[in-house]
Amino acid sequence: VGAFGGGLLVLGWLLLPLVFFGVDETLDPARFALLPLRRRT
């Protein structure tokens, strides 16, 4: 359960946004394009 169940969680987060749910972009990275923020920040 730990190995396969955890692996399925990771694969679910990888695949489901691509084919169905999408990802939450409340903070769209494009809105920060003109701000002097480092990439790491």
PDB file of all heavy atoms in Angstrom:
ATOM      1  N   VAL A   1       0.832  -1.203   0.000  1.00  0.00           N
ATOM      2  CA  VAL A   1       0.000   0.000   0.000  1.00  0.00           C
ATOM      3  C   VAL A   1       0.863   1.248   0.000  1.00  0.00           C
ATOM      4  O   VAL A   1       0.584   2.216  -0.724  1.00  0.00           O
ATOM      5  CB  VAL A   1      -0.941  -0.022   1.216  1.00  0.00           C
ATOM      6  CG1 VAL A   1      -1.690   1.296   1.343  1.00  0.00           C
ATOM      7  CG2 VAL A   1      -1.936  -1.170   1.100  1.00  0.00           C
ATOM      8  N   GLY A   2       1.930   1.256   0.791  1.00  0.00           N
ATOM      9  CA  GLY A   2       2.789   2.434   0.845  1.00  0.00           C
ATOM     10  C   GLY A   2       3.499   2.704  -0.462  1.00  0.00           C
ATOM     11  O   GLY A   2       3.550   3.852  -0.929  1.00  0.00           O
ATOM     12  N   ALA A   3       4.063   1.652  -1.071  1.00  0.00           N
ATOM     13  CA  ALA A   3       4.825   1.842  -2.304  1.00  0.00           C
ATOM     14  C   ALA A   3       3.910   2.127  -3.488  1.00  0.00           C
ATOM     15  O   ALA A   3       4.067   3.152  -4.181  1.00  0.00           O
ATOM     16  CB  ALA A   3       5.676   0.604  -2.586  1.00  0.00           C
ATOM     17  N   PHE A   4       2.949   1.240  -3.716  1.00  0.00           N
ATOM     18  CA  PHE A   4       2.075   1.418  -4.869  1.00  0.00           C
ATOM     19  C   PHE A   4       1.066   2.544  -4.668  1.00  0.00           C
ATOM     20  O   PHE A   4       0.781   3.307  -5.595  1.00  0.00           O
ATOM     21  CB  PHE A   4       1.353   0.105  -5.184  1.00  0.00           C
ATOM     22  CG  PHE A   4       2.263  -0.996  -5.631  1.00  0.00           C
ATOM     23  CD1 PHE A   4       2.099  -2.288  -5.171  1.00  0.00           C
ATOM     24  CD2 PHE A   4       3.302  -0.738  -6.513  1.00  0.00           C
ATOM     25  CE1 PHE A   4       2.946  -3.308  -5.580  1.00  0.00           C
ATOM     26  CE2 PHE A   4       4.152  -1.747  -6.929  1.00  0.00           C
ATOM     27  CZ  PHE A   4       3.981  -3.035  -6.456  1.00  0.00           C
ATOM     28  N   GLY A   5       0.506   2.649  -3.456  1.00  0.00           N
ATOM     29  CA  GLY A   5      -0.438   3.731  -3.187  1.00  0.00           C
ATOM     30  C   GLY A   5       0.218   5.096  -3.272  1.00  0.00           C
ATOM     31  O   GLY A   5      -0.329   6.029  -3.871  1.00  0.00           O
ATOM     32  N   GLY A   6       1.405   5.221  -2.673  1.00  0.00           N
ATOM     33  CA  GLY A   6       2.120   6.490  -2.790  1.00  0.00           C
ATOM     34  C   GLY A   6       2.517   6.801  -4.218  1.00  0.00           C
ATOM     35  O   GLY A   6       2.431   7.954  -4.668  1.00  0.00           O
ATOM     36  N   GLY A   7       2.955   5.771  -4.950  1.00  0.00           N
ATOM     37  CA  GLY A   7       3.287   5.997  -6.354  1.00  0.00           C
ATOM     38  C   GLY A   7       2.089   6.437  -7.173  1.00  0.00           C
ATOM     39  O   GLY A   7       2.205   7.297  -8.059  1.00  0.00           O
ATOM     40  N   LEU A   8       0.912   5.860  -6.878  1.00  0.00           N
ATOM     41  CA  LEU A   8      -0.301   6.279  -7.586  1.00  0.00           C
ATOM     42  C   LEU A   8      -0.672   7.723  -7.261  1.00  0.00           C
ATOM     43  O   LEU A   8      -1.176   8.454  -8.123  1.00  0.00           O
ATOM     44  CB  LEU A   8      -1.458   5.351  -7.237  1.00  0.00           C
ATOM     45  CG  LEU A   8      -1.403   3.942  -7.845  1.00  0.00           C
ATOM     46  CD1 LEU A   8      -2.574   3.111  -7.349  1.00  0.00           C
ATOM     47  CD2 LEU A   8      -1.423   4.017  -9.375  1.00  0.00           C
ATOM     48  N   LEU A   9      -0.437   8.152  -6.020  1.00  0.00           N
ATOM     49  CA  LEU A   9      -0.679   9.554  -5.677  1.00  0.00           C
ATOM     50  C   LEU A   9       0.190  10.488  -6.526  1.00  0.00           C
ATOM     51  O   LEU A   9      -0.286  11.486  -7.075  1.00  0.00           O
ATOM     52  CB  LEU A   9      -0.402   9.790  -4.191  1.00  0.00           C
ATOM     53  CG  LEU A   9      -1.449   9.317  -3.191  1.00  0.00           C
ATOM     54  CD1 LEU A   9      -0.990   9.624  -1.772  1.00  0.00           C
ATOM     55  CD2 LEU A   9      -2.794   9.974  -3.460  1.00  0.00           C
ATOM     56  N   VAL A  10       1.462  10.148  -6.642  1.00  0.00           N
ATOM     57  CA  VAL A  10       2.367  10.991  -7.434  1.00  0.00           C
ATOM     58  C   VAL A  10       1.960  10.976  -8.905  1.00  0.00           C
ATOM     59  O   VAL A  10       1.920  12.032  -9.567  1.00  0.00           O
ATOM     60  CB  VAL A  10       3.820  10.515  -7.259  1.00  0.00           C
ATOM     61  CG1 VAL A  10       4.767  11.353  -8.116  1.00  0.00           C
ATOM     62  CG2 VAL A  10       4.241  10.602  -5.799  1.00  0.00           C
ATOM     63  N   LEU A  11       1.646   9.792  -9.435  1.00  0.00           N
ATOM     64  CA  LEU A  11       1.229   9.715 -10.835  1.00  0.00           C
ATOM     65  C   LEU A  11      -0.093  10.436 -11.058  1.00  0.00           C
ATOM     66  O   LEU A  11      -0.312  11.042 -12.113  1.00  0.00           O
ATOM     67  CB  LEU A  11       1.113   8.250 -11.259  1.00  0.00           C
ATOM     68  CG  LEU A  11       2.427   7.473 -11.371  1.00  0.00           C
ATOM     69  CD1 LEU A  11       2.160   6.029 -11.743  1.00  0.00           C
ATOM     70  CD2 LEU A  11       3.360   8.115 -12.399  1.00  0.00           C
ATOM     71  N   GLY A  12      -0.984  10.370 -10.071  1.00  0.00           N
ATOM     72  CA  GLY A  12      -2.241  11.104 -10.196  1.00  0.00           C
ATOM     73  C   GLY A  12      -2.019  12.598 -10.283  1.00  0.00           C
ATOM     74  O   GLY A  12      -2.633  13.287 -11.104  1.00  0.00           O
ATOM     75  N   TRP A  13      -1.144  13.119  -9.448  1.00  0.00           N
ATOM     76  CA  TRP A  13      -0.821  14.549  -9.516  1.00  0.00           C
ATOM     77  C   TRP A  13      -0.132  14.893 -10.830  1.00  0.00           C
ATOM     78  O   TRP A  13      -0.227  16.029 -11.307  1.00  0.00           O
ATOM     79  CB  TRP A  13       0.076  14.931  -8.343  1.00  0.00           C
ATOM     80  CG  TRP A  13      -0.672  15.276  -7.108  1.00  0.00           C
ATOM     81  CD1 TRP A  13      -1.145  14.424  -6.152  1.00  0.00           C
ATOM     82  CD2 TRP A  13      -1.051  16.586  -6.670  1.00  0.00           C
ATOM     83  NE1 TRP A  13      -1.798  15.106  -5.163  1.00  0.00           N
ATOM     84  CE2 TRP A  13      -1.751  16.437  -5.448  1.00  0.00           C
ATOM     85  CE3 TRP A  13      -0.871  17.863  -7.193  1.00  0.00           C
ATOM     86  CZ2 TRP A  13      -2.262  17.526  -4.757  1.00  0.00           C
ATOM     87  CZ3 TRP A  13      -1.378  18.942  -6.494  1.00  0.00           C
ATOM     88  CH2 TRP A  13      -2.064  18.781  -5.294  1.00  0.00           C
ATOM     89  N   LEU A  14       0.562  13.933 -11.413  1.00  0.00           N
ATOM     90  CA  LEU A  14       1.249  14.192 -12.678  1.00  0.00           C
ATOM     91  C   LEU A  14       0.293  14.184 -13.858  1.00  0.00           C
ATOM     92  O   LEU A  14       0.369  15.063 -14.730  1.00  0.00           O
ATOM     93  CB  LEU A  14       2.340  13.130 -12.886  1.00  0.00           C
ATOM     94  CG  LEU A  14       3.023  13.095 -14.261  1.00  0.00           C
ATOM     95  CD1 LEU A  14       3.800  14.384 -14.494  1.00  0.00           C
ATOM     96  CD2 LEU A  14       3.951  11.892 -14.362  1.00  0.00           C
ATOM     97  N   LEU A  15      -0.644  13.230 -13.887  1.00  0.00           N
ATOM     98  CA  LEU A  15      -1.445  13.012 -15.090  1.00  0.00           C
ATOM     99  C   LEU A  15      -2.798  13.714 -15.057  1.00  0.00           C
ATOM    100  O   LEU A  15      -3.248  14.230 -16.079  1.00  0.00           O
ATOM    101  CB  LEU A  15      -1.660  11.506 -15.302  1.00  0.00           C
ATOM    102  CG  LEU A  15      -0.387  10.678 -15.529  1.00  0.00           C
ATOM    103  CD1 LEU A  15      -0.737   9.206 -15.651  1.00  0.00           C
ATOM    104  CD2 LEU A  15       0.349  11.154 -16.773  1.00  0.00           C
ATOM    105  N   LEU A  16      -3.473  13.714 -13.921  1.00  0.00           N
ATOM    106  CA  LEU A  16      -4.825  14.273 -13.881  1.00  0.00           C
ATOM    107  C   LEU A  16      -4.883  15.748 -14.281  1.00  0.00           C
ATOM    108  O   LEU A  16      -5.813  16.145 -14.995  1.00  0.00           O
ATOM    109  CB  LEU A  16      -5.437  14.067 -12.499  1.00  0.00           C
ATOM    110  CG  LEU A  16      -5.807  12.623 -12.152  1.00  0.00           C
ATOM    111  CD1 LEU A  16      -6.403  12.540 -10.751  1.00  0.00           C
ATOM    112  CD2 LEU A  16      -6.784  12.051 -13.169  1.00  0.00           C
ATOM    113  N   PRO A  17      -3.935  16.591 -13.860  1.00  0.00           N
ATOM    114  CA  PRO A  17      -4.003  17.982 -14.346  1.00  0.00           C
ATOM    115  C   PRO A  17      -3.864  18.102 -15.851  1.00  0.00           C
ATOM    116  O   PRO A  17      -4.383  19.042 -16.454  1.00  0.00           O
ATOM    117  CB  PRO A  17      -2.830  18.669 -13.623  1.00  0.00           C
ATOM    118  CG  PRO A  17      -2.596  17.844 -12.416  1.00  0.00           C
ATOM    119  CD  PRO A  17      -2.898  16.433 -12.829  1.00  0.00           C
ATOM    120  N   LEU A  18      -3.161  17.144 -16.482  1.00  0.00           N
ATOM    121  CA  LEU A  18      -2.957  17.222 -17.929  1.00  0.00           C
ATOM    122  C   LEU A  18      -4.201  16.820 -18.700  1.00  0.00           C
ATOM    123  O   LEU A  18      -4.467  17.363 -19.779  1.00  0.00           O
ATOM    124  CB  LEU A  18      -1.788  16.319 -18.351  1.00  0.00           C
ATOM    125  CG  LEU A  18      -0.400  16.709 -17.832  1.00  0.00           C
ATOM    126  CD1 LEU A  18       0.619  15.685 -18.279  1.00  0.00           C
ATOM    127  CD2 LEU A  18      -0.004  18.093 -18.324  1.00  0.00           C
ATOM    128  N   VAL A  19      -4.972  15.870 -18.164  1.00  0.00           N
ATOM    129  CA  VAL A  19      -6.075  15.325 -18.955  1.00  0.00           C
ATOM    130  C   VAL A  19      -7.455  15.739 -18.472  1.00  0.00           C
ATOM    131  O   VAL A  19      -8.429  15.582 -19.190  1.00  0.00           O
ATOM    132  CB  VAL A  19      -5.995  13.773 -18.984  1.00  0.00           C
ATOM    133  CG1 VAL A  19      -4.724  13.315 -19.639  1.00  0.00           C
ATOM    134  CG2 VAL A  19      -6.093  13.209 -17.564  1.00  0.00           C
ATOM    135  N   PHE A  20      -7.527  16.305 -17.240  1.00  0.00           N
ATOM    136  CA  PHE A  20      -8.883  16.630 -16.787  1.00  0.00           C
ATOM    137  C   PHE A  20      -8.935  17.877 -15.928  1.00  0.00           C
ATOM    138  O   PHE A  20      -9.446  18.896 -16.316  1.00  0.00           O
ATOM    139  CB  PHE A  20      -9.487  15.454 -16.019  1.00  0.00           C
ATOM    140  CG  PHE A  20     -10.929  15.658 -15.676  1.00  0.00           C
ATOM    141  CD1 PHE A  20     -11.887  15.623 -16.671  1.00  0.00           C
ATOM    142  CD2 PHE A  20     -11.327  15.897 -14.374  1.00  0.00           C
ATOM    143  CE1 PHE A  20     -13.224  15.823 -16.373  1.00  0.00           C
ATOM    144  CE2 PHE A  20     -12.659  16.094 -14.066  1.00  0.00           C
ATOM    145  CZ  PHE A  20     -13.609  16.054 -15.069  1.00  0.00           C
ATOM    146  N   PHE A  21      -8.406  17.833 -14.701  1.00  0.00           N
ATOM    147  CA  PHE A  21      -8.701  18.853 -13.714  1.00  0.00           C
ATOM    148  C   PHE A  21      -7.984  20.171 -13.955  1.00  0.00           C
ATOM    149  O   PHE A  21      -8.491  21.234 -13.650  1.00  0.00           O
ATOM    150  CB  PHE A  21      -8.343  18.351 -12.303  1.00  0.00           C
ATOM    151  CG  PHE A  21      -9.228  17.255 -11.838  1.00  0.00           C
ATOM    152  CD1 PHE A  21      -8.765  15.962 -11.749  1.00  0.00           C
ATOM    153  CD2 PHE A  21     -10.540  17.505 -11.511  1.00  0.00           C
ATOM    154  CE1 PHE A  21      -9.584  14.948 -11.322  1.00  0.00           C
ATOM    155  CE2 PHE A  21     -11.377  16.494 -11.082  1.00  0.00           C
ATOM    156  CZ  PHE A  21     -10.896  15.215 -10.992  1.00  0.00           C
ATOM    157  N   GLY A  22      -6.745  20.125 -14.490  1.00  0.00           N
ATOM    158  CA  GLY A  22      -5.970  21.346 -14.591  1.00  0.00           C
ATOM    159  C   GLY A  22      -5.315  21.677 -13.256  1.00  0.00           C
ATOM    160  O   GLY A  22      -5.418  20.951 -12.279  1.00  0.00           O
ATOM    161  N   VAL A  23      -4.588  22.803 -13.226  1.00  0.00           N
ATOM    162  CA  VAL A  23      -3.920  23.224 -12.008  1.00  0.00           C
ATOM    163  C   VAL A  23      -4.446  24.595 -11.605  1.00  0.00           C
ATOM    164  O   VAL A  23      -4.855  25.401 -12.434  1.00  0.00           O
ATOM    165  CB  VAL A  23      -2.387  23.279 -12.200  1.00  0.00           C
ATOM    166  CG1 VAL A  23      -1.817  21.908 -12.379  1.00  0.00           C
ATOM    167  CG2 VAL A  23      -2.012  24.172 -13.376  1.00  0.00           C
ATOM    168  N   ASP A  24      -4.422  24.831 -10.309  1.00  0.00           N
ATOM    169  CA  ASP A  24      -4.913  26.089  -9.766  1.00  0.00           C
ATOM    170  C   ASP A  24      -3.929  27.204 -10.101  1.00  0.00           C
ATOM    171  O   ASP A  24      -2.768  27.173  -9.696  1.00  0.00           O
ATOM    172  CB  ASP A  24      -5.077  25.948  -8.251  1.00  0.00           C
ATOM    173  CG  ASP A  24      -5.519  27.251  -7.595  1.00  0.00           C
ATOM    174  OD1 ASP A  24      -5.974  28.142  -8.332  1.00  0.00           O
ATOM    175  OD2 ASP A  24      -5.409  27.342  -6.362  1.00  0.00           O
ATOM    176  N   GLU A  25      -4.381  28.193 -10.876  1.00  0.00           N
ATOM    177  CA  GLU A  25      -3.536  29.328 -11.232  1.00  0.00           C
ATOM    178  C   GLU A  25      -4.128  30.613 -10.670  1.00  0.00           C
ATOM    179  O   GLU A  25      -4.230  31.620 -11.360  1.00  0.00           O
ATOM    180  CB  GLU A  25      -3.397  29.428 -12.769  1.00  0.00           C
ATOM    181  CG  GLU A  25      -2.527  28.349 -13.384  1.00  0.00           C
ATOM    182  CD  GLU A  25      -1.043  28.562 -13.115  1.00  0.00           C
ATOM    183  OE1 GLU A  25      -0.710  29.519 -12.379  1.00  0.00           O
ATOM    184  OE2 GLU A  25      -0.226  27.785 -13.625  1.00  0.00           O
ATOM    185  N   THR A  26      -4.534  30.572  -9.389  1.00  0.00           N
ATOM    186  CA  THR A  26      -4.977  31.800  -8.749  1.00  0.00           C
ATOM    187  C   THR A  26      -3.868  32.844  -8.786  1.00  0.00           C
ATOM    188  O   THR A  26      -4.103  34.027  -9.033  1.00  0.00           O
ATOM    189  CB  THR A  26      -5.377  31.514  -7.294  1.00  0.00           C
ATOM    190  OG1 THR A  26      -6.405  30.528  -7.291  1.00  0.00           O
ATOM    191  CG2 THR A  26      -5.891  32.772  -6.620  1.00  0.00           C
ATOM    192  N   LEU A  27      -2.617  32.405  -8.543  1.00  0.00           N
ATOM    193  CA  LEU A  27      -1.460  33.268  -8.699  1.00  0.00           C
ATOM    194  C   LEU A  27      -0.784  32.904 -10.016  1.00  0.00           C
ATOM    195  O   LEU A  27       0.123  32.067 -10.063  1.00  0.00           O
ATOM    196  CB  LEU A  27      -0.493  33.094  -7.520  1.00  0.00           C
ATOM    197  CG  LEU A  27      -1.047  33.440  -6.135  1.00  0.00           C
ATOM    198  CD1 LEU A  27       0.052  33.324  -5.090  1.00  0.00           C
ATOM    199  CD2 LEU A  27      -1.651  34.833  -6.119  1.00  0.00           C
ATOM    200  N   ASP A  28      -1.239  33.505 -11.093  1.00  0.00           N
ATOM    201  CA  ASP A  28      -0.678  33.234 -12.409  1.00  0.00           C
ATOM    202  C   ASP A  28       0.749  33.773 -12.464  1.00  0.00           C
ATOM    203  O   ASP A  28       0.982  34.953 -12.191  1.00  0.00           O
ATOM    204  CB  ASP A  28      -1.543  33.911 -13.473  1.00  0.00           C
ATOM    205  CG  ASP A  28      -1.127  33.507 -14.878  1.00  0.00           C
ATOM    206  OD1 ASP A  28      -0.134  32.768 -15.005  1.00  0.00           O
ATOM    207  OD2 ASP A  28      -1.792  33.935 -15.837  1.00  0.00           O
ATOM    208  N   PRO A  29       1.745  32.928 -12.792  1.00  0.00           N
ATOM    209  CA  PRO A  29       3.127  33.427 -12.841  1.00  0.00           C
ATOM    210  C   PRO A  29       3.303  34.608 -13.782  1.00  0.00           C
ATOM    211  O   PRO A  29       4.196  35.444 -13.571  1.00  0.00           O
ATOM    212  CB  PRO A  29       3.917  32.197 -13.314  1.00  0.00           C
ATOM    213  CG  PRO A  29       3.082  31.029 -12.935  1.00  0.00           C
ATOM    214  CD  PRO A  29       1.658  31.488 -13.056  1.00  0.00           C
ATOM    215  N   ALA A  30       2.487  34.692 -14.838  1.00  0.00           N
ATOM    216  CA  ALA A  30       2.637  35.795 -15.782  1.00  0.00           C
ATOM    217  C   ALA A  30       2.365  37.145 -15.118  1.00  0.00           C
ATOM    218  O   ALA A  30       2.870  38.171 -15.579  1.00  0.00           O
ATOM    219  CB  ALA A  30       1.686  35.597 -16.963  1.00  0.00           C
ATOM    220  N   ARG A  31       1.588  37.171 -14.034  1.00  0.00           N
ATOM    221  CA  ARG A  31       1.301  38.434 -13.348  1.00  0.00           C
ATOM    222  C   ARG A  31       2.531  38.985 -12.633  1.00  0.00           C
ATOM    223  O   ARG A  31       2.553  40.153 -12.250  1.00  0.00           O
ATOM    224  CB  ARG A  31       0.166  38.226 -12.338  1.00  0.00           C
ATOM    225  CG  ARG A  31      -1.107  37.665 -12.944  1.00  0.00           C
ATOM    226  CD  ARG A  31      -1.749  38.661 -13.902  1.00  0.00           C
ATOM    227  NE  ARG A  31      -2.914  38.103 -14.574  1.00  0.00           N
ATOM    228  CZ  ARG A  31      -4.133  38.105 -14.068  1.00  0.00           C
ATOM    229  NH1 ARG A  31      -4.342  38.612 -12.873  1.00  0.00           N
ATOM    230  NH2 ARG A  31      -5.136  37.586 -14.749  1.00  0.00           N
ATOM    231  N   PHE A  32       3.540  38.140 -12.421  1.00  0.00           N
ATOM    232  CA  PHE A  32       4.755  38.584 -11.730  1.00  0.00           C
ATOM    233  C   PHE A  32       5.883  38.914 -12.703  1.00  0.00           C
ATOM    234  O   PHE A  32       7.022  39.120 -12.277  1.00  0.00           O
ATOM    235  CB  PHE A  32       5.232  37.494 -10.763  1.00  0.00           C
ATOM    236  CG  PHE A  32       4.242  37.141  -9.700  1.00  0.00           C
ATOM    237  CD1 PHE A  32       3.343  36.099  -9.886  1.00  0.00           C
ATOM    238  CD2 PHE A  32       4.191  37.845  -8.511  1.00  0.00           C
ATOM    239  CE1 PHE A  32       2.425  35.767  -8.905  1.00  0.00           C
ATOM    240  CE2 PHE A  32       3.271  37.526  -7.530  1.00  0.00           C
ATOM    241  CZ  PHE A  32       2.386  36.476  -7.721  1.00  0.00           C
ATOM    242  N   ALA A  33       5.576  38.951 -14.006  1.00  0.00           N
ATOM    243  CA  ALA A  33       6.633  39.106 -15.005  1.00  0.00           C
ATOM    244  C   ALA A  33       7.368  40.435 -14.863  1.00  0.00           C
ATOM    245  O   ALA A  33       8.581  40.519 -15.096  1.00  0.00           O
ATOM    246  CB  ALA A  33       6.043  38.975 -16.409  1.00  0.00           C
ATOM    247  N   LEU A  34       6.677  41.502 -14.469  1.00  0.00           N
ATOM    248  CA  LEU A  34       7.287  42.833 -14.395  1.00  0.00           C
ATOM    249  C   LEU A  34       7.817  43.171 -13.010  1.00  0.00           C
ATOM    250  O   LEU A  34       8.325  44.277 -12.805  1.00  0.00           O
ATOM    251  CB  LEU A  34       6.261  43.898 -14.822  1.00  0.00           C
ATOM    252  CG  LEU A  34       5.708  43.753 -16.249  1.00  0.00           C
ATOM    253  CD1 LEU A  34       4.713  44.858 -16.552  1.00  0.00           C
ATOM    254  CD2 LEU A  34       6.849  43.763 -17.267  1.00  0.00           C
ATOM    255  N   LEU A  35       7.710  42.257 -12.069  1.00  0.00           N
ATOM    256  CA  LEU A  35       8.197  42.517 -10.715  1.00  0.00           C
ATOM    257  C   LEU A  35       9.628  42.011 -10.561  1.00  0.00           C
ATOM    258  O   LEU A  35       9.993  40.965 -11.108  1.00  0.00           O
ATOM    259  CB  LEU A  35       7.295  41.820  -9.695  1.00  0.00           C
ATOM    260  CG  LEU A  35       5.837  42.295  -9.664  1.00  0.00           C
ATOM    261  CD1 LEU A  35       5.065  41.531  -8.600  1.00  0.00           C
ATOM    262  CD2 LEU A  35       5.756  43.786  -9.404  1.00  0.00           C
ATOM    263  N   PRO A  36      10.458  42.746  -9.822  1.00  0.00           N
ATOM    264  CA  PRO A  36      11.881  42.344  -9.671  1.00  0.00           C
ATOM    265  C   PRO A  36      12.033  41.213  -8.661  1.00  0.00           C
ATOM    266  O   PRO A  36      12.555  41.391  -7.558  1.00  0.00           O
ATOM    267  CB  PRO A  36      12.539  43.636  -9.180  1.00  0.00           C
ATOM    268  CG  PRO A  36      11.463  44.350  -8.443  1.00  0.00           C
ATOM    269  CD  PRO A  36      10.179  44.035  -9.157  1.00  0.00           C
ATOM    270  N   LEU A  37      11.549  40.049  -9.014  1.00  0.00           N
ATOM    271  CA  LEU A  37      11.624  38.884  -8.147  1.00  0.00           C
ATOM    272  C   LEU A  37      12.611  37.877  -8.718  1.00  0.00           C
ATOM    273  O   LEU A  37      12.627  37.612  -9.924  1.00  0.00           O
ATOM    274  CB  LEU A  37      10.257  38.216  -7.998  1.00  0.00           C
ATOM    275  CG  LEU A  37       9.162  39.026  -7.291  1.00  0.00           C
ATOM    276  CD1 LEU A  37       7.839  38.285  -7.378  1.00  0.00           C
ATOM    277  CD2 LEU A  37       9.533  39.290  -5.848  1.00  0.00           C
ATOM    278  N   ARG A  38      13.424  37.336  -7.829  1.00  0.00           N
ATOM    279  CA  ARG A  38      14.324  36.269  -8.258  1.00  0.00           C
ATOM    280  C   ARG A  38      13.511  35.016  -8.553  1.00  0.00           C
ATOM    281  O   ARG A  38      12.450  34.785  -7.981  1.00  0.00           O
ATOM    282  CB  ARG A  38      15.357  35.980  -7.184  1.00  0.00           C
ATOM    283  CG  ARG A  38      16.300  37.136  -6.900  1.00  0.00           C
ATOM    284  CD  ARG A  38      17.358  36.699  -5.885  1.00  0.00           C
ATOM    285  NE  ARG A  38      18.307  37.769  -5.620  1.00  0.00           N
ATOM    286  CZ  ARG A  38      18.167  38.652  -4.632  1.00  0.00           C
ATOM    287  NH1 ARG A  38      17.115  38.579  -3.837  1.00  0.00           N
ATOM    288  NH2 ARG A  38      19.067  39.599  -4.444  1.00  0.00           N
ATOM    289  N   ARG A  39      14.052  34.205  -9.432  1.00  0.00           N
ATOM    290  CA  ARG A  39      13.331  32.976  -9.775  1.00  0.00           C
ATOM    291  C   ARG A  39      13.150  32.079  -8.560  1.00  0.00           C
ATOM    292  O   ARG A  39      12.115  31.450  -8.384  1.00  0.00           O
ATOM    293  CB  ARG A  39      14.079  32.224 -10.883  1.00  0.00           C
ATOM    294  CG  ARG A  39      13.851  32.782 -12.267  1.00  0.00           C
ATOM    295  CD  ARG A  39      14.380  31.847 -13.315  1.00  0.00           C
ATOM    296  NE  ARG A  39      15.821  31.664 -13.210  1.00  0.00           N
ATOM    297  CZ  ARG A  39      16.541  30.829 -13.959  1.00  0.00           C
ATOM    298  NH1 ARG A  39      15.938  30.102 -14.877  1.00  0.00           N
ATOM    299  NH2 ARG A  39      17.838  30.722 -13.811  1.00  0.00           N
ATOM    300  N   ARG A  40      14.177  31.999  -7.719  1.00  0.00           N
ATOM    301  CA  ARG A  40      14.066  31.154  -6.530  1.00  0.00           C
ATOM    302  C   ARG A  40      12.953  31.643  -5.609  1.00  0.00           C
ATOM    303  O   ARG A  40      12.170  30.854  -5.072  1.00  0.00           O
ATOM    304  CB  ARG A  40      15.399  31.132  -5.781  1.00  0.00           C
ATOM    305  CG  ARG A  40      15.389  30.218  -4.565  1.00  0.00           C
ATOM    306  CD  ARG A  40      16.758  30.137  -3.933  1.00  0.00           C
ATOM    307  NE  ARG A  40      17.207  31.446  -3.472  1.00  0.00           N
ATOM    308  CZ  ARG A  40      18.396  31.679  -2.928  1.00  0.00           C
ATOM    309  NH1 ARG A  40      19.261  30.687  -2.797  1.00  0.00           N
ATOM    310  NH2 ARG A  40      18.740  32.889  -2.536  1.00  0.00           N
ATOM    311  N   THR A  41      12.857  32.964  -5.453  1.00  0.00           N
ATOM    312  CA  THR A  41      11.788  33.524  -4.623  1.00  0.00           C
ATOM    313  C   THR A  41      10.427  33.235  -5.215  1.00  0.00           C
ATOM    314  O   THR A  41       9.474  32.862  -4.512  1.00  0.00           O
ATOM    315  CB  THR A  41      11.985  35.037  -4.472  1.00  0.00           C
ATOM    316  OG1 THR A  41      13.270  35.289  -3.896  1.00  0.00           O
ATOM    317  CG2 THR A  41      10.904  35.637  -3.597  1.00  0.00           C
TER     318      THR A  41
END
